[in-house]
Amino acid sequence: MALGADGVVRARAAIATQWDHPATEWAERDPEAIHHVVDRLLAEVVHRAGDVVVRSVGFCSIAETGALVDEGGRAVSPLIAWHDP
């Protein structure tokens, strides 16, 4: 979603993502795949909104999810979901 400085929605875009289930009751996601989705969404919102400057990006619905990272901040594991039963 792109909001103007006045708070008015200028454009919206969404891409559904799916969890991978490599084992029973496991849920994980490739961090690079999420990065790719964010790139696509930003491009689509900017295209729909026209002449805009992106000043911030927010996420929702990632829940209790984490990944191991190296000293440079690069993910070295999948995004692992913690879904309470």
PDB file of N, CA and C in Angstrom:
ATOM      1  N   MET A   1       0.841  -1.152   0.000  1.00  0.00           N
ATOM      2  CA  MET A   1       0.000   0.000   0.000  1.00  0.00           C
ATOM      3  C   MET A   1       0.900   1.233   0.000  1.00  0.00           C
ATOM      4  N   ALA A   2       0.563   2.184  -0.806  1.00  0.00           N
ATOM      5  CA  ALA A   2       1.284   3.459  -0.826  1.00  0.00           C
ATOM      6  C   ALA A   2       0.360   4.525  -0.247  1.00  0.00           C
ATOM      7  N   LEU A   3       0.854   5.212   0.785  1.00  0.00           N
ATOM      8  CA  LEU A   3       0.112   6.301   1.406  1.00  0.00           C
ATOM      9  C   LEU A   3       0.804   7.613   1.085  1.00  0.00           C
ATOM     10  N   GLY A   4       0.008   8.614   0.815  1.00  0.00           N
ATOM     11  CA  GLY A   4       0.558   9.947   0.637  1.00  0.00           C
ATOM     12  C   GLY A   4       0.856  10.562   1.994  1.00  0.00           C
ATOM     13  N   ALA A   5       1.542  11.681   2.020  1.00  0.00           N
ATOM     14  CA  ALA A   5       1.843  12.380   3.270  1.00  0.00           C
ATOM     15  C   ALA A   5       0.557  12.780   3.990  1.00  0.00           C
ATOM     16  N   ASP A   6      -0.547  12.884   3.247  1.00  0.00           N
ATOM     17  CA  ASP A   6      -1.841  13.234   3.830  1.00  0.00           C
ATOM     18  C   ASP A   6      -2.587  12.014   4.366  1.00  0.00           C
ATOM     19  N   GLY A   7      -1.986  10.821   4.252  1.00  0.00           N
ATOM     20  CA  GLY A   7      -2.608   9.601   4.753  1.00  0.00           C
ATOM     21  C   GLY A   7      -3.567   8.928   3.788  1.00  0.00           C
ATOM     22  N   VAL A   8      -3.730   9.500   2.610  1.00  0.00           N
ATOM     23  CA  VAL A   8      -4.637   8.933   1.608  1.00  0.00           C
ATOM     24  C   VAL A   8      -3.934   7.795   0.865  1.00  0.00           C
ATOM     25  N   VAL A   9      -4.640   6.677   0.689  1.00  0.00           N
ATOM     26  CA  VAL A   9      -4.087   5.531  -0.042  1.00  0.00           C
ATOM     27  C   VAL A   9      -3.957   5.892  -1.517  1.00  0.00           C
ATOM     28  N   ARG A  10      -2.750   5.758  -2.041  1.00  0.00           N
ATOM     29  CA  ARG A  10      -2.489   6.061  -3.453  1.00  0.00           C
ATOM     30  C   ARG A  10      -2.523   4.800  -4.314  1.00  0.00           C
ATOM     31  N   ALA A  11      -2.137   3.656  -3.737  1.00  0.00           N
ATOM     32  CA  ALA A  11      -2.130   2.399  -4.495  1.00  0.00           C
ATOM     33  C   ALA A  11      -2.031   1.233  -3.523  1.00  0.00           C
ATOM     34  N   ARG A  12      -2.470   0.056  -3.985  1.00  0.00           N
ATOM     35  CA  ARG A  12      -2.391  -1.183  -3.196  1.00  0.00           C
ATOM     36  C   ARG A  12      -1.922  -2.312  -4.105  1.00  0.00           C
ATOM     37  N   ALA A  13      -1.265  -3.288  -3.491  1.00  0.00           N
ATOM     38  CA  ALA A  13      -0.882  -4.510  -4.202  1.00  0.00           C
ATOM     39  C   ALA A  13      -0.716  -5.610  -3.153  1.00  0.00           C
ATOM     40  N   ALA A  14      -0.917  -6.845  -3.555  1.00  0.00           N
ATOM     41  CA  ALA A  14      -0.761  -7.981  -2.641  1.00  0.00           C
ATOM     42  C   ALA A  14      -0.309  -9.197  -3.439  1.00  0.00           C
ATOM     43  N   ILE A  15       0.502 -10.017  -2.799  1.00  0.00           N
ATOM     44  CA  ILE A  15       0.937 -11.288  -3.372  1.00  0.00           C
ATOM     45  C   ILE A  15       0.833 -12.325  -2.261  1.00  0.00           C
ATOM     46  N   ALA A  16       0.070 -13.365  -2.486  1.00  0.00           N
ATOM     47  CA  ALA A  16      -0.058 -14.435  -1.489  1.00  0.00           C
ATOM     48  C   ALA A  16       1.234 -15.246  -1.453  1.00  0.00           C
ATOM     49  N   THR A  17       1.628 -15.639  -0.260  1.00  0.00           N
ATOM     50  CA  THR A  17       2.792 -16.502  -0.096  1.00  0.00           C
ATOM     51  C   THR A  17       2.352 -17.758   0.647  1.00  0.00           C
ATOM     52  N   GLN A  18       3.049 -18.836   0.420  1.00  0.00           N
ATOM     53  CA  GLN A  18       2.723 -20.109   1.048  1.00  0.00           C
ATOM     54  C   GLN A  18       3.896 -20.581   1.896  1.00  0.00           C
ATOM     55  N   TRP A  19       3.591 -21.243   2.982  1.00  0.00           N
ATOM     56  CA  TRP A  19       4.629 -21.869   3.790  1.00  0.00           C
ATOM     57  C   TRP A  19       5.033 -23.183   3.162  1.00  0.00           C
ATOM     58  N   ASP A  20       6.302 -23.534   3.279  1.00  0.00           N
ATOM     59  CA  ASP A  20       6.785 -24.858   2.896  1.00  0.00           C
ATOM     60  C   ASP A  20       6.650 -25.751   4.126  1.00  0.00           C
ATOM     61  N   HIS A  21       6.330 -27.022   3.909  1.00  0.00           N
ATOM     62  CA  HIS A  21       6.159 -27.979   5.003  1.00  0.00           C
ATOM     63  C   HIS A  21       7.053 -29.186   4.744  1.00  0.00           C
ATOM     64  N   PRO A  22       8.348 -29.085   5.079  1.00  0.00           N
ATOM     65  CA  PRO A  22       9.281 -30.178   4.794  1.00  0.00           C
ATOM     66  C   PRO A  22       9.080 -31.405   5.688  1.00  0.00           C
ATOM     67  N   ALA A  23       8.324 -31.266   6.775  1.00  0.00           N
ATOM     68  CA  ALA A  23       8.026 -32.386   7.668  1.00  0.00           C
ATOM     69  C   ALA A  23       6.701 -32.087   8.360  1.00  0.00           C
ATOM     70  N   THR A  24       6.099 -33.114   8.925  1.00  0.00           N
ATOM     71  CA  THR A  24       4.841 -32.947   9.646  1.00  0.00           C
ATOM     72  C   THR A  24       4.998 -31.879  10.728  1.00  0.00           C
ATOM     73  N   GLU A  25       4.066 -30.956  10.753  1.00  0.00           N
ATOM     74  CA  GLU A  25       4.005 -29.860  11.726  1.00  0.00           C
ATOM     75  C   GLU A  25       5.146 -28.856  11.612  1.00  0.00           C
ATOM     76  N   TRP A  26       5.922 -28.888  10.547  1.00  0.00           N
ATOM     77  CA  TRP A  26       6.959 -27.888  10.311  1.00  0.00           C
ATOM     78  C   TRP A  26       6.411 -26.849   9.336  1.00  0.00           C
ATOM     79  N   ALA A  27       6.871 -25.626   9.487  1.00  0.00           N
ATOM     80  CA  ALA A  27       6.524 -24.573   8.532  1.00  0.00           C
ATOM     81  C   ALA A  27       7.734 -23.664   8.387  1.00  0.00           C
ATOM     82  N   GLU A  28       8.166 -23.482   7.156  1.00  0.00           N
ATOM     83  CA  GLU A  28       9.302 -22.607   6.905  1.00  0.00           C
ATOM     84  C   GLU A  28       9.145 -21.937   5.554  1.00  0.00           C
ATOM     85  N   ARG A  29       9.985 -20.927   5.331  1.00  0.00           N
ATOM     86  CA  ARG A  29       9.916 -20.138   4.099  1.00  0.00           C
ATOM     87  C   ARG A  29      11.329 -19.705   3.753  1.00  0.00           C
ATOM     88  N   ASP A  30      11.620 -19.640   2.475  1.00  0.00           N
ATOM     89  CA  ASP A  30      12.924 -19.186   1.993  1.00  0.00           C
ATOM     90  C   ASP A  30      13.002 -17.664   2.132  1.00  0.00           C
ATOM     91  N   PRO A  31      13.970 -17.132   2.895  1.00  0.00           N
ATOM     92  CA  PRO A  31      14.071 -15.676   3.049  1.00  0.00           C
ATOM     93  C   PRO A  31      14.277 -14.947   1.726  1.00  0.00           C
ATOM     94  N   GLU A  32      15.000 -15.551   0.808  1.00  0.00           N
ATOM     95  CA  GLU A  32      15.212 -14.912  -0.505  1.00  0.00           C
ATOM     96  C   GLU A  32      13.901 -14.819  -1.281  1.00  0.00           C
ATOM     97  N   ALA A  33      13.022 -15.806  -1.112  1.00  0.00           N
ATOM     98  CA  ALA A  33      11.715 -15.757  -1.784  1.00  0.00           C
ATOM     99  C   ALA A  33      10.890 -14.586  -1.249  1.00  0.00           C
ATOM    100  N   ILE A  34      10.945 -14.356   0.061  1.00  0.00           N
ATOM    101  CA  ILE A  34      10.232 -13.212   0.646  1.00  0.00           C
ATOM    102  C   ILE A  34      10.826 -11.907   0.129  1.00  0.00           C
ATOM    103  N   HIS A  35      12.144 -11.833   0.045  1.00  0.00           N
ATOM    104  CA  HIS A  35      12.804 -10.641  -0.491  1.00  0.00           C
ATOM    105  C   HIS A  35      12.326 -10.376  -1.923  1.00  0.00           C
ATOM    106  N   HIS A  36      12.237 -11.431  -2.721  1.00  0.00           N
ATOM    107  CA  HIS A  36      11.773 -11.303  -4.103  1.00  0.00           C
ATOM    108  C   HIS A  36      10.327 -10.779  -4.140  1.00  0.00           C
ATOM    109  N   VAL A  37       9.475 -11.295  -3.268  1.00  0.00           N
ATOM    110  CA  VAL A  37       8.078 -10.839  -3.209  1.00  0.00           C
ATOM    111  C   VAL A  37       8.020  -9.356  -2.845  1.00  0.00           C
ATOM    112  N   VAL A  38       8.823  -8.935  -1.868  1.00  0.00           N
ATOM    113  CA  VAL A  38       8.843  -7.522  -1.459  1.00  0.00           C
ATOM    114  C   VAL A  38       9.286  -6.645  -2.633  1.00  0.00           C
ATOM    115  N   ASP A  39      10.309  -7.061  -3.360  1.00  0.00           N
ATOM    116  CA  ASP A  39      10.756  -6.305  -4.543  1.00  0.00           C
ATOM    117  C   ASP A  39       9.631  -6.167  -5.563  1.00  0.00           C
ATOM    118  N   ARG A  40       8.929  -7.275  -5.825  1.00  0.00           N
ATOM    119  CA  ARG A  40       7.821  -7.248  -6.788  1.00  0.00           C
ATOM    120  C   ARG A  40       6.690  -6.335  -6.319  1.00  0.00           C
ATOM    121  N   LEU A  41       6.356  -6.419  -5.021  1.00  0.00           N
ATOM    122  CA  LEU A  41       5.290  -5.571  -4.483  1.00  0.00           C
ATOM    123  C   LEU A  41       5.650  -4.091  -4.548  1.00  0.00           C
ATOM    124  N   LEU A  42       6.876  -3.754  -4.181  1.00  0.00           N
ATOM    125  CA  LEU A  42       7.293  -2.355  -4.264  1.00  0.00           C
ATOM    126  C   LEU A  42       7.196  -1.834  -5.691  1.00  0.00           C
ATOM    127  N   ALA A  43       7.675  -2.629  -6.639  1.00  0.00           N
ATOM    128  CA  ALA A  43       7.610  -2.215  -8.043  1.00  0.00           C
ATOM    129  C   ALA A  43       6.163  -2.014  -8.490  1.00  0.00           C
ATOM    130  N   GLU A  44       5.271  -2.923  -8.083  1.00  0.00           N
ATOM    131  CA  GLU A  44       3.869  -2.822  -8.486  1.00  0.00           C
ATOM    132  C   GLU A  44       3.185  -1.616  -7.858  1.00  0.00           C
ATOM    133  N   VAL A  45       3.422  -1.381  -6.574  1.00  0.00           N
ATOM    134  CA  VAL A  45       2.801  -0.235  -5.902  1.00  0.00           C
ATOM    135  C   VAL A  45       3.303   1.071  -6.503  1.00  0.00           C
ATOM    136  N   VAL A  46       4.600   1.179  -6.738  1.00  0.00           N
ATOM    137  CA  VAL A  46       5.149   2.398  -7.340  1.00  0.00           C
ATOM    138  C   VAL A  46       4.565   2.597  -8.737  1.00  0.00           C
ATOM    139  N   HIS A  47       4.446   1.533  -9.502  1.00  0.00           N
ATOM    140  CA  HIS A  47       3.860   1.624 -10.838  1.00  0.00           C
ATOM    141  C   HIS A  47       2.417   2.143 -10.757  1.00  0.00           C
ATOM    142  N   ARG A  48       1.636   1.581  -9.844  1.00  0.00           N
ATOM    143  CA  ARG A  48       0.231   1.987  -9.718  1.00  0.00           C
ATOM    144  C   ARG A  48       0.083   3.398  -9.152  1.00  0.00           C
ATOM    145  N   ALA A  49       0.972   3.786  -8.240  1.00  0.00           N
ATOM    146  CA  ALA A  49       0.845   5.089  -7.580  1.00  0.00           C
ATOM    147  C   ALA A  49       1.370   6.230  -8.437  1.00  0.00           C
ATOM    148  N   GLY A  50       2.245   5.915  -9.384  1.00  0.00           N
ATOM    149  CA  GLY A  50       2.811   6.972 -10.218  1.00  0.00           C
ATOM    150  C   GLY A  50       4.092   7.514  -9.623  1.00  0.00           C
ATOM    151  N   ASP A  51       4.240   8.808  -9.639  1.00  0.00           N
ATOM    152  CA  ASP A  51       5.466   9.478  -9.200  1.00  0.00           C
ATOM    153  C   ASP A  51       5.501   9.547  -7.670  1.00  0.00           C
ATOM    154  N   VAL A  52       6.123   8.546  -7.034  1.00  0.00           N
ATOM    155  CA  VAL A  52       6.206   8.508  -5.572  1.00  0.00           C
ATOM    156  C   VAL A  52       7.645   8.261  -5.138  1.00  0.00           C
ATOM    157  N   VAL A  53       7.933   8.616  -3.900  1.00  0.00           N
ATOM    158  CA  VAL A  53       9.211   8.319  -3.266  1.00  0.00           C
ATOM    159  C   VAL A  53       8.916   7.364  -2.115  1.00  0.00           C
ATOM    160  N   VAL A  54       9.549   6.191  -2.121  1.00  0.00           N
ATOM    161  CA  VAL A  54       9.354   5.225  -1.042  1.00  0.00           C
ATOM    162  C   VAL A  54      10.199   5.668   0.149  1.00  0.00           C
ATOM    163  N   ARG A  55       9.543   5.911   1.285  1.00  0.00           N
ATOM    164  CA  ARG A  55      10.240   6.376   2.486  1.00  0.00           C
ATOM    165  C   ARG A  55      10.307   5.300   3.571  1.00  0.00           C
ATOM    166  N   SER A  56       9.420   4.318   3.508  1.00  0.00           N
ATOM    167  CA  SER A  56       9.456   3.229   4.480  1.00  0.00           C
ATOM    168  C   SER A  56       8.680   2.042   3.933  1.00  0.00           C
ATOM    169  N   VAL A  57       8.956   0.879   4.511  1.00  0.00           N
ATOM    170  CA  VAL A  57       8.281  -0.357   4.131  1.00  0.00           C
ATOM    171  C   VAL A  57       7.877  -1.057   5.420  1.00  0.00           C
ATOM    172  N   GLY A  58       6.652  -1.576   5.470  1.00  0.00           N
ATOM    173  CA  GLY A  58       6.178  -2.308   6.639  1.00  0.00           C
ATOM    174  C   GLY A  58       5.673  -3.675   6.250  1.00  0.00           C
ATOM    175  N   PHE A  59       5.684  -4.588   7.209  1.00  0.00           N
ATOM    176  CA  PHE A  59       5.208  -5.950   7.005  1.00  0.00           C
ATOM    177  C   PHE A  59       4.095  -6.253   7.993  1.00  0.00           C
ATOM    178  N   CYS A  60       3.214  -7.128   7.586  1.00  0.00           N
ATOM    179  CA  CYS A  60       2.225  -7.651   8.522  1.00  0.00           C
ATOM    180  C   CYS A  60       2.050  -9.145   8.244  1.00  0.00           C
ATOM    181  N   SER A  61       1.534  -9.845   9.204  1.00  0.00           N
ATOM    182  CA  SER A  61       1.216 -11.268   9.095  1.00  0.00           C
ATOM    183  C   SER A  61       2.431 -12.171   8.952  1.00  0.00           C
ATOM    184  N   ILE A  62       3.567 -11.788   9.465  1.00  0.00           N
ATOM    185  CA  ILE A  62       4.728 -12.673   9.449  1.00  0.00           C
ATOM    186  C   ILE A  62       4.745 -13.508  10.735  1.00  0.00           C
ATOM    187  N   ALA A  63       3.969 -13.100  11.741  1.00  0.00           N
ATOM    188  CA  ALA A  63       3.799 -13.832  13.003  1.00  0.00           C
ATOM    189  C   ALA A  63       5.125 -14.050  13.715  1.00  0.00           C
ATOM    190  N   GLU A  64       5.208 -15.113  14.492  1.00  0.00           N
ATOM    191  CA  GLU A  64       6.417 -15.429  15.245  1.00  0.00           C
ATOM    192  C   GLU A  64       7.341 -16.243  14.351  1.00  0.00           C
ATOM    193  N   THR A  65       8.124 -15.557  13.565  1.00  0.00           N
ATOM    194  CA  THR A  65       8.985 -16.196  12.577  1.00  0.00           C
ATOM    195  C   THR A  65      10.386 -15.630  12.710  1.00  0.00           C
ATOM    196  N   GLY A  66      11.387 -16.482  12.562  1.00  0.00           N
ATOM    197  CA  GLY A  66      12.762 -16.015  12.653  1.00  0.00           C
ATOM    198  C   GLY A  66      13.680 -16.820  11.753  1.00  0.00           C
ATOM    199  N   ALA A  67      14.864 -16.295  11.544  1.00  0.00           N
ATOM    200  CA  ALA A  67      15.885 -16.979  10.749  1.00  0.00           C
ATOM    201  C   ALA A  67      17.235 -16.735  11.406  1.00  0.00           C
ATOM    202  N   LEU A  68      18.131 -17.680  11.261  1.00  0.00           N
ATOM    203  CA  LEU A  68      19.508 -17.486  11.698  1.00  0.00           C
ATOM    204  C   LEU A  68      20.223 -16.635  10.666  1.00  0.00           C
ATOM    205  N   VAL A  69      21.069 -15.723  11.125  1.00  0.00           N
ATOM    206  CA  VAL A  69      21.807 -14.855  10.214  1.00  0.00           C
ATOM    207  C   VAL A  69      23.290 -14.926  10.535  1.00  0.00           C
ATOM    208  N   ASP A  70      24.114 -14.593   9.535  1.00  0.00           N
ATOM    209  CA  ASP A  70      25.561 -14.562   9.756  1.00  0.00           C
ATOM    210  C   ASP A  70      25.958 -13.172  10.249  1.00  0.00           C
ATOM    211  N   GLU A  71      27.260 -12.962  10.439  1.00  0.00           N
ATOM    212  CA  GLU A  71      27.735 -11.684  10.968  1.00  0.00           C
ATOM    213  C   GLU A  71      27.421 -10.502  10.061  1.00  0.00           C
ATOM    214  N   GLY A  72      27.140 -10.760   8.789  1.00  0.00           N
ATOM    215  CA  GLY A  72      26.780  -9.694   7.863  1.00  0.00           C
ATOM    216  C   GLY A  72      25.281  -9.456   7.772  1.00  0.00           C
ATOM    217  N   GLY A  73      24.492 -10.207   8.570  1.00  0.00           N
ATOM    218  CA  GLY A  73      23.043 -10.040   8.550  1.00  0.00           C
ATOM    219  C   GLY A  73      22.343 -10.827   7.460  1.00  0.00           C
ATOM    220  N   ARG A  74      23.059 -11.701   6.763  1.00  0.00           N
ATOM    221  CA  ARG A  74      22.463 -12.523   5.707  1.00  0.00           C
ATOM    222  C   ARG A  74      21.883 -13.798   6.295  1.00  0.00           C
ATOM    223  N   ALA A  75      20.693 -14.166   5.858  1.00  0.00           N
ATOM    224  CA  ALA A  75      20.046 -15.374   6.367  1.00  0.00           C
ATOM    225  C   ALA A  75      20.843 -16.608   5.969  1.00  0.00           C
ATOM    226  N   VAL A  76      21.029 -17.505   6.931  1.00  0.00           N
ATOM    227  CA  VAL A  76      21.731 -18.768   6.679  1.00  0.00           C
ATOM    228  C   VAL A  76      20.813 -19.959   6.988  1.00  0.00           C
ATOM    229  N   SER A  77      19.541 -19.664   7.206  1.00  0.00           N
ATOM    230  CA  SER A  77      18.550 -20.706   7.435  1.00  0.00           C
ATOM    231  C   SER A  77      17.244 -20.247   6.815  1.00  0.00           C
ATOM    232  N   PRO A  78      16.298 -21.168   6.661  1.00  0.00           N
ATOM    233  CA  PRO A  78      14.977 -20.724   6.219  1.00  0.00           C
ATOM    234  C   PRO A  78      14.317 -19.893   7.321  1.00  0.00           C
ATOM    235  N   LEU A  79      13.281 -19.160   6.953  1.00  0.00           N
ATOM    236  CA  LEU A  79      12.434 -18.505   7.957  1.00  0.00           C
ATOM    237  C   LEU A  79      11.648 -19.624   8.629  1.00  0.00           C
ATOM    238  N   ILE A  80      11.768 -19.756   9.923  1.00  0.00           N
ATOM    239  CA  ILE A  80      11.118 -20.837  10.650  1.00  0.00           C
ATOM    240  C   ILE A  80       9.953 -20.260  11.441  1.00  0.00           C
ATOM    241  N   ALA A  81       8.762 -20.815  11.206  1.00  0.00           N
ATOM    242  CA  ALA A  81       7.558 -20.320  11.869  1.00  0.00           C
ATOM    243  C   ALA A  81       7.348 -21.013  13.197  1.00  0.00           C
ATOM    244  N   TRP A  82       6.863 -20.262  14.146  1.00  0.00           N
ATOM    245  CA  TRP A  82       6.491 -20.810  15.446  1.00  0.00           C
ATOM    246  C   TRP A  82       4.982 -20.662  15.552  1.00  0.00           C
ATOM    247  N   HIS A  83       4.251 -21.694  15.145  1.00  0.00           N
ATOM    248  CA  HIS A  83       2.785 -21.683  15.217  1.00  0.00           C
ATOM    249  C   HIS A  83       2.344 -22.429  16.460  1.00  0.00           C
ATOM    250  N   ASP A  84       1.754 -21.739  17.400  1.00  0.00           N
ATOM    251  CA  ASP A  84       1.245 -22.411  18.596  1.00  0.00           C
ATOM    252  C   ASP A  84       0.081 -23.319  18.218  1.00  0.00           C
ATOM    253  N   PRO A  85       0.018 -24.513  18.839  1.00  0.00           N
ATOM    254  CA  PRO A  85      -1.101 -25.431  18.528  1.00  0.00           C
ATOM    255  C   PRO A  85      -2.420 -24.900  19.057  1.00  0.00           C
TER     256      PRO A  85
END
